Amino acid sequence: MTLAASGRGPMEGTVVWRRATGAALAALILGGVSACGTTEQIDTQPQSSASTATTAASTVAAEKNAVVRLQGWLAAPQVGMLTYNSVEVNSGGAINVMTILSGPFDPSSYQATLTGSIETLGSGSTTQGASGAIEYGGKVYTTIPSSLQTGDRLGKKWEAAPVRTAWGSGAKHSGWWTALDSVKQMQTDGVTSLAGTTVDMFSAVVDLSTVKGIPKALLQSDPIKIAGTTKIEVDVYTELGSGNLVRVTYKFGLPVQIDVSATAKSTAGYQIDMSGFSNPSASASPSPSSTGSVEPDASTVAKDTGDTELAALLPF
C-alpha cells in the first residue's frame, strides 16, 4: 500500500522525496536511521515468495496463517514496540513536516512511551528537536520542543489530547482494533527483509466507512479528514518458516513518492507499526526518562493544545 503525505494512503516500505533536502530525511520514516532507533528497516523490493512450481495450496495456507496470527494477537494483545510515522505536505510545499515516534507499549494497561523527532523539511530544513509522548489516564501527552516554548507555551513542556475522542461509546479498544479485526482475508506480497529478518508479507485493504462497528468519531477524526480517505492498508509480516507474527501495520494517506509541490491545501500520510511482541526488553514504562514522573505535572501542560492526530491513531 502507499503512504500518503498528510493523507497517507496505503504505502510501501519507504517514502521517497523528490527534493534533495527531503531525500536524506525520507529514510527516517521507515529506515531506522532517525533518533527513533527502534524504527525497523524494510527492503522495499520484496521478492516473489514462491516460484511458479510452488503449489497454490501453500500460498493459501500462508495467507490463512497470516489472518489467524493477526486474529490471535487481537484476542490477546501482547506488549511490544509501537512506531508512529506521519508526513505532512502543505500547499506549495512551503512547510513539510515529518514526525517519527517509537517506543514500548502495553495494550493491557493502555500505556505507551514514545520518543523520536519532528523534522521540518523543504528549502529551510530544520529539526525542531527531540520529541516524546506518553499515553496515560486516557490522554496523550506530547513534549513541546524547547524552540517552541514561547508565548502562551512559555514554561510549558507538554501538550495533551484525549485519546478516546475517536472511540465508540464504552469500547474496550479503539476503532483501529475493530478495523484490524475485520480483516478475514489477506494476499501474499512476497518475501522481504525486515530489520535483518526474512519475512513473508501479506496485505489487505479496508474501507473504514464499510466496517461495522467503526465509530463515527473515528471517521470524523483529524487524520481521516486531512488524509481525505477512509481506506487503509493493513500489512502483516510473519517469520519465514515458522509463520510467527513479526509485525502488524496500518497506514493511509500520501502515495509513496511525494511531490513536495503540493497543489492541495494540505495532504498527509500516517503509519502505525506494532512489533517486538512479548519482547522482555520492550516492557512498557509509563513515562519517558525526560519526565521523572508517571504523569506530567499539570503546571507544565499547555492548555487547549495537543496532538489530536496521534491521539486518534493509537490502537489502544
Protein backbone atom coordinates (compact mmCIF):
# COMPACT_ATOMS: atom_id res chain seq x y z
CA MET A 1 0.00 0.00 0.00
CA THR A 2 1.05 3.57 -0.37
CA LEU A 3 1.87 6.07 2.34
CA ALA A 4 0.18 9.30 1.53
CA ALA A 5 1.64 12.53 2.79
CA SER A 6 -0.70 14.03 5.29
CA GLY A 7 -3.44 11.94 3.92
CA ARG A 8 -1.44 8.88 3.80
CA GLY A 9 -2.82 6.36 1.52
CA PRO A 10 -1.54 2.84 1.53
CA MET A 11 2.18 2.87 1.31
CA GLU A 12 5.09 0.64 0.55
CA GLY A 13 8.20 0.49 2.62
CA THR A 14 9.71 3.94 2.10
CA VAL A 15 8.65 7.48 1.36
CA VAL A 16 10.77 8.89 -1.45
CA TRP A 17 11.16 12.66 -1.54
CA ARG A 18 11.79 14.26 -4.91
CA ARG A 19 13.71 17.16 -3.48
CA ALA A 20 17.27 16.69 -2.31
CA THR A 21 16.59 18.33 1.04
CA GLY A 22 13.99 15.70 1.84
CA ALA A 23 15.79 12.69 0.46
CA ALA A 24 18.05 12.15 3.42
CA LEU A 25 15.21 12.60 5.87
CA ALA A 26 12.89 10.32 3.95
CA ALA A 27 14.91 7.36 5.13
CA LEU A 28 13.95 8.28 8.67
CA ILE A 29 10.31 7.44 8.25
CA LEU A 30 10.89 3.74 7.78
CA GLY A 31 14.62 3.30 7.52
CA GLY A 32 15.50 3.38 11.17
CA VAL A 33 18.25 5.99 10.87
CA SER A 34 16.44 8.64 12.84
CA ALA A 35 16.62 9.39 16.55
CA CYS A 36 13.93 6.78 16.75
CA GLY A 37 16.26 3.84 16.90
CA THR A 38 13.50 1.26 17.14
CA THR A 39 12.08 2.03 13.72
CA GLU A 40 12.57 -1.07 11.61
CA GLN A 41 14.12 -1.14 8.17
CA ILE A 42 12.34 -2.77 5.28
CA ASP A 43 13.71 -3.90 1.94
CA THR A 44 11.22 -2.15 -0.31
CA GLN A 45 11.67 -4.59 -3.19
CA PRO A 46 10.10 -7.84 -1.98
CA GLN A 47 10.97 -10.94 -3.94
CA SER A 48 8.38 -13.39 -5.12
CA SER A 49 7.64 -15.71 -2.23
CA ALA A 50 7.14 -18.68 -4.48
CA SER A 51 8.25 -19.95 -7.85
CA THR A 52 5.75 -20.91 -10.49
CA ALA A 53 6.25 -24.50 -9.37
CA THR A 54 5.01 -23.75 -5.87
CA THR A 55 1.57 -25.15 -5.23
CA ALA A 56 -1.30 -22.72 -4.78
CA ALA A 57 -2.22 -24.66 -1.65
CA SER A 58 0.91 -23.49 0.19
CA THR A 59 0.17 -19.86 -0.69
CA VAL A 60 -3.41 -20.18 0.51
CA ALA A 61 -2.21 -21.78 3.75
CA ALA A 62 0.29 -18.97 4.35
CA GLU A 63 -2.37 -16.33 3.76
CA LYS A 64 -4.75 -18.06 6.14
CA ASN A 65 -2.00 -18.29 8.74
CA ALA A 66 -1.41 -14.53 8.48
CA VAL A 67 -5.08 -13.90 9.29
CA VAL A 68 -5.01 -16.42 12.15
CA ARG A 69 -1.90 -14.79 13.63
CA LEU A 70 -3.48 -11.34 13.39
CA GLN A 71 -6.72 -12.50 14.98
CA GLY A 72 -4.82 -14.33 17.71
CA TRP A 73 -2.85 -11.21 18.61
CA LEU A 74 -6.02 -9.10 18.69
CA ALA A 75 -7.62 -11.62 21.04
CA ALA A 76 -4.62 -11.45 23.40
CA PRO A 77 -2.54 -8.36 22.52
CA GLN A 78 0.99 -8.50 23.86
CA VAL A 79 3.50 -5.93 24.98
CA GLY A 80 5.73 -4.78 22.16
CA MET A 81 7.09 -1.80 20.26
CA LEU A 82 4.92 0.84 18.59
CA THR A 83 6.11 3.28 15.92
CA TYR A 84 4.09 6.27 14.74
CA ASN A 85 5.08 7.91 11.44
CA SER A 86 3.40 10.93 9.90
CA VAL A 87 4.22 13.12 6.92
CA GLU A 88 2.52 16.39 6.02
CA VAL A 89 2.89 18.49 2.89
CA ASN A 90 1.25 21.91 2.88
CA SER A 91 0.20 23.94 -0.15
CA GLY A 92 3.13 24.82 -2.38
CA GLY A 93 5.48 22.61 -0.42
CA ALA A 94 6.40 25.56 1.82
CA ILE A 95 6.19 23.51 5.00
CA ASN A 96 6.72 19.77 5.10
CA VAL A 97 6.68 18.06 8.47
CA MET A 98 7.79 14.54 9.29
CA THR A 99 7.21 13.08 12.75
CA ILE A 100 8.59 9.75 13.94
CA LEU A 101 7.91 8.48 17.45
CA SER A 102 8.66 4.97 18.66
CA GLY A 103 8.81 3.02 21.90
CA PRO A 104 7.30 0.31 24.12
CA PHE A 105 3.56 -0.07 24.54
CA ASP A 106 1.35 -2.21 26.75
CA PRO A 107 -2.20 -2.75 25.44
CA SER A 108 -3.36 -4.26 28.74
CA SER A 109 -2.62 -1.09 30.71
CA TYR A 110 -3.25 1.42 27.92
CA GLN A 111 0.24 2.84 28.28
CA ALA A 112 2.91 3.80 25.79
CA THR A 113 6.19 5.66 25.91
CA LEU A 114 7.30 7.07 22.58
CA THR A 115 10.35 9.13 21.70
CA GLY A 116 11.66 10.49 18.42
CA SER A 117 11.88 13.71 16.46
CA ILE A 118 9.95 16.24 14.41
CA GLU A 119 11.54 17.41 11.17
CA THR A 120 10.52 20.44 9.11
CA LEU A 121 11.53 19.79 5.51
CA GLY A 122 11.87 21.99 2.45
CA SER A 123 14.31 24.74 1.46
CA GLY A 124 14.88 25.59 5.13
CA SER A 125 15.12 22.09 6.58
CA THR A 126 15.28 22.12 10.37
CA THR A 127 14.92 19.73 13.26
CA GLN A 128 12.59 21.00 15.95
CA GLY A 129 14.33 18.70 18.34
CA ALA A 130 13.64 15.55 20.28
CA SER A 131 10.01 14.74 20.87
CA GLY A 132 8.25 12.31 23.15
CA ALA A 133 4.78 11.11 24.04
CA ILE A 134 3.12 9.34 26.97
CA GLU A 135 -0.27 7.70 26.90
CA TYR A 136 -1.64 7.85 30.41
CA GLY A 137 -5.05 8.27 32.02
CA GLY A 138 -6.94 8.48 28.73
CA LYS A 139 -4.69 11.23 27.35
CA VAL A 140 -1.65 11.51 25.14
CA TYR A 141 0.95 13.94 26.44
CA THR A 142 3.43 15.14 23.81
CA THR A 143 6.54 17.16 24.53
CA ILE A 144 6.90 20.71 23.25
CA PRO A 145 10.34 21.29 21.67
CA SER A 146 12.26 23.97 23.57
CA SER A 147 12.35 26.15 20.46
CA LEU A 148 8.54 26.32 20.55
CA GLN A 149 8.18 27.05 24.27
CA THR A 150 7.32 30.69 23.66
CA GLY A 151 4.30 32.97 24.16
CA ASP A 152 1.43 31.05 25.75
CA ARG A 153 3.69 27.97 25.85
CA LEU A 154 6.44 29.68 27.83
CA GLY A 155 7.47 27.33 30.64
CA LYS A 156 5.21 24.58 29.31
CA LYS A 157 6.83 21.28 28.43
CA TRP A 158 3.79 19.24 27.43
CA GLU A 159 0.65 19.31 25.34
CA ALA A 160 -2.26 16.95 25.96
CA ALA A 161 -5.05 15.48 23.86
CA PRO A 162 -7.77 12.99 24.85
CA VAL A 163 -7.20 9.53 23.39
CA ARG A 164 -10.75 8.26 23.35
CA THR A 165 -12.42 11.06 21.42
CA ALA A 166 -12.27 8.77 18.36
CA TRP A 167 -13.53 5.68 20.21
CA GLY A 168 -17.02 4.27 20.31
CA SER A 169 -19.05 4.64 23.49
CA GLY A 170 -17.98 2.04 26.05
CA ALA A 171 -15.48 0.47 23.65
CA LYS A 172 -12.67 -1.67 25.06
CA HIS A 173 -10.33 -0.76 22.22
CA SER A 174 -10.17 1.93 19.56
CA GLY A 175 -11.80 1.80 16.16
CA TRP A 176 -8.46 0.65 14.75
CA TRP A 177 -8.83 -2.58 16.70
CA THR A 178 -12.19 -3.07 15.02
CA ALA A 179 -10.67 -2.33 11.62
CA LEU A 180 -7.91 -4.88 12.12
CA ASP A 181 -10.42 -7.42 13.40
CA SER A 182 -12.43 -7.01 10.19
CA VAL A 183 -9.58 -8.46 8.12
CA LYS A 184 -10.58 -12.00 7.25
CA GLN A 185 -8.55 -12.47 4.07
CA MET A 186 -5.06 -11.34 3.04
CA GLN A 187 -2.96 -11.67 -0.09
CA THR A 188 0.70 -12.61 -0.34
CA ASP A 189 3.03 -9.75 -1.28
CA GLY A 190 6.23 -11.78 -1.32
CA VAL A 191 9.33 -12.22 0.80
CA THR A 192 11.40 -9.32 2.08
CA SER A 193 13.87 -8.30 4.77
CA LEU A 194 12.62 -6.61 7.92
CA ALA A 195 15.24 -5.42 10.42
CA GLY A 196 17.56 -8.16 9.22
CA THR A 197 14.93 -10.93 9.41
CA THR A 198 13.49 -12.62 6.34
CA VAL A 199 9.70 -12.37 6.46
CA ASP A 200 6.62 -13.07 4.39
CA MET A 201 4.48 -10.00 3.62
CA PHE A 202 0.69 -10.03 3.46
CA SER A 203 -1.75 -7.18 2.89
CA ALA A 204 -5.41 -6.24 2.78
CA VAL A 205 -7.24 -3.00 2.02
CA VAL A 206 -10.04 -1.96 4.35
CA ASP A 207 -12.54 0.85 3.87
CA LEU A 208 -13.35 2.06 7.38
CA SER A 209 -16.66 3.51 6.21
CA THR A 210 -17.90 -0.01 5.40
CA VAL A 211 -16.74 -1.77 8.58
CA LYS A 212 -19.49 -2.49 11.09
CA GLY A 213 -18.76 -1.03 14.49
CA ILE A 214 -16.32 1.69 13.40
CA PRO A 215 -17.29 4.74 15.49
CA LYS A 216 -18.36 7.87 13.62
CA ALA A 217 -15.92 9.81 15.75
CA LEU A 218 -13.02 7.94 14.12
CA LEU A 219 -14.35 8.57 10.62
CA GLN A 220 -14.57 12.26 11.52
CA SER A 221 -11.16 12.41 13.23
CA ASP A 222 -8.37 14.74 12.13
CA PRO A 223 -6.23 12.08 10.42
CA ILE A 224 -9.13 10.91 8.25
CA LYS A 225 -10.14 14.48 7.40
CA ILE A 226 -6.62 15.54 6.50
CA ALA A 227 -5.85 12.38 4.55
CA GLY A 228 -9.13 12.62 2.71
CA THR A 229 -9.64 8.87 2.64
CA THR A 230 -11.25 6.15 4.73
CA LYS A 231 -9.31 3.38 3.00
CA ILE A 232 -6.40 1.90 4.92
CA GLU A 233 -3.91 -0.81 4.16
CA VAL A 234 -3.28 -3.49 6.76
CA ASP A 235 0.03 -5.34 6.47
CA VAL A 236 1.03 -8.46 8.37
CA TYR A 237 4.60 -9.77 8.45
CA THR A 238 5.29 -13.36 9.51
CA GLU A 239 8.60 -15.11 10.08
CA LEU A 240 9.71 -17.21 7.15
CA GLY A 241 9.35 -20.87 8.04
CA SER A 242 7.67 -20.64 11.46
CA GLY A 243 4.87 -18.31 10.41
CA ASN A 244 5.14 -16.44 13.72
CA LEU A 245 3.80 -12.89 13.77
CA VAL A 246 6.58 -10.30 13.40
CA ARG A 247 4.77 -7.03 12.75
CA VAL A 248 1.31 -5.52 12.20
CA THR A 249 0.92 -2.23 10.33
CA TYR A 250 -1.92 0.03 9.28
CA LYS A 251 -1.38 3.04 7.05
CA PHE A 252 -3.17 5.51 4.84
CA GLY A 253 -2.60 8.82 3.11
CA LEU A 254 0.02 10.07 0.66
CA PRO A 255 1.46 7.96 -2.15
CA VAL A 256 4.93 6.50 -1.72
CA GLN A 257 6.51 9.11 -3.96
CA ILE A 258 5.69 12.50 -2.55
CA ASP A 259 5.86 15.57 -4.75
CA VAL A 260 6.67 18.43 -2.40
CA SER A 261 4.97 20.81 -4.82
CA ALA A 262 1.63 20.05 -3.28
CA THR A 263 -1.36 21.57 -5.03
CA ALA A 264 -3.92 20.81 -2.36
CA LYS A 265 -4.16 22.96 0.75
CA SER A 266 -2.71 20.13 2.82
CA THR A 267 -2.13 16.42 2.45
CA ALA A 268 -0.80 13.88 4.92
CA GLY A 269 0.04 10.26 5.49
CA TYR A 270 0.13 8.07 8.58
CA GLN A 271 1.59 4.70 9.50
CA ILE A 272 1.36 2.77 12.76
CA ASP A 273 3.65 -0.23 13.29
CA MET A 274 3.40 -2.75 16.10
CA SER A 275 6.22 -5.26 16.55
CA GLY A 276 8.54 -6.95 19.06
CA PHE A 277 5.66 -8.79 20.67
CA SER A 278 6.46 -10.31 24.08
CA ASN A 279 9.99 -8.91 23.92
CA PRO A 280 11.05 -8.54 27.59
CA SER A 281 13.19 -5.52 26.69
CA ALA A 282 10.10 -3.81 25.36
CA SER A 283 8.19 -3.81 28.63
CA ALA A 284 6.30 -0.51 28.68
CA SER A 285 7.24 2.24 31.08
CA PRO A 286 4.58 4.81 31.97
CA SER A 287 6.88 7.75 31.32
CA PRO A 288 9.92 8.64 29.23
CA SER A 289 13.18 9.29 31.05
CA SER A 290 12.76 13.02 30.48
CA THR A 291 9.84 13.31 32.92
CA GLY A 292 10.70 11.55 36.13
CA SER A 293 7.02 11.07 36.99
CA VAL A 294 4.19 8.91 35.71
CA GLU A 295 2.05 11.81 34.59
CA PRO A 296 3.31 15.31 33.74
CA ASP A 297 2.58 17.93 36.37
CA ALA A 298 -0.48 19.97 35.34
CA SER A 299 1.51 23.19 35.65
CA THR A 300 3.79 22.05 32.82
CA VAL A 301 0.96 21.20 30.41
CA ALA A 302 -0.16 23.84 27.89
CA LYS A 303 -3.94 24.28 27.76
CA ASP A 304 -6.12 23.80 24.68
CA THR A 305 -3.31 22.16 22.71
CA GLY A 306 -2.27 18.63 21.87
CA ASP A 307 -1.53 16.16 19.10
CA THR A 308 -5.07 15.16 18.17
CA GLU A 309 -3.81 13.18 15.18
CA LEU A 310 -1.59 10.92 17.28
CA ALA A 311 -4.34 10.55 19.87
CA ALA A 312 -6.84 9.45 17.22
CA LEU A 313 -4.44 6.96 15.65
CA LEU A 314 -3.41 4.94 18.70
CA PRO A 315 -4.90 1.43 18.71
CA PHE A 316 -5.47 1.13 22.44
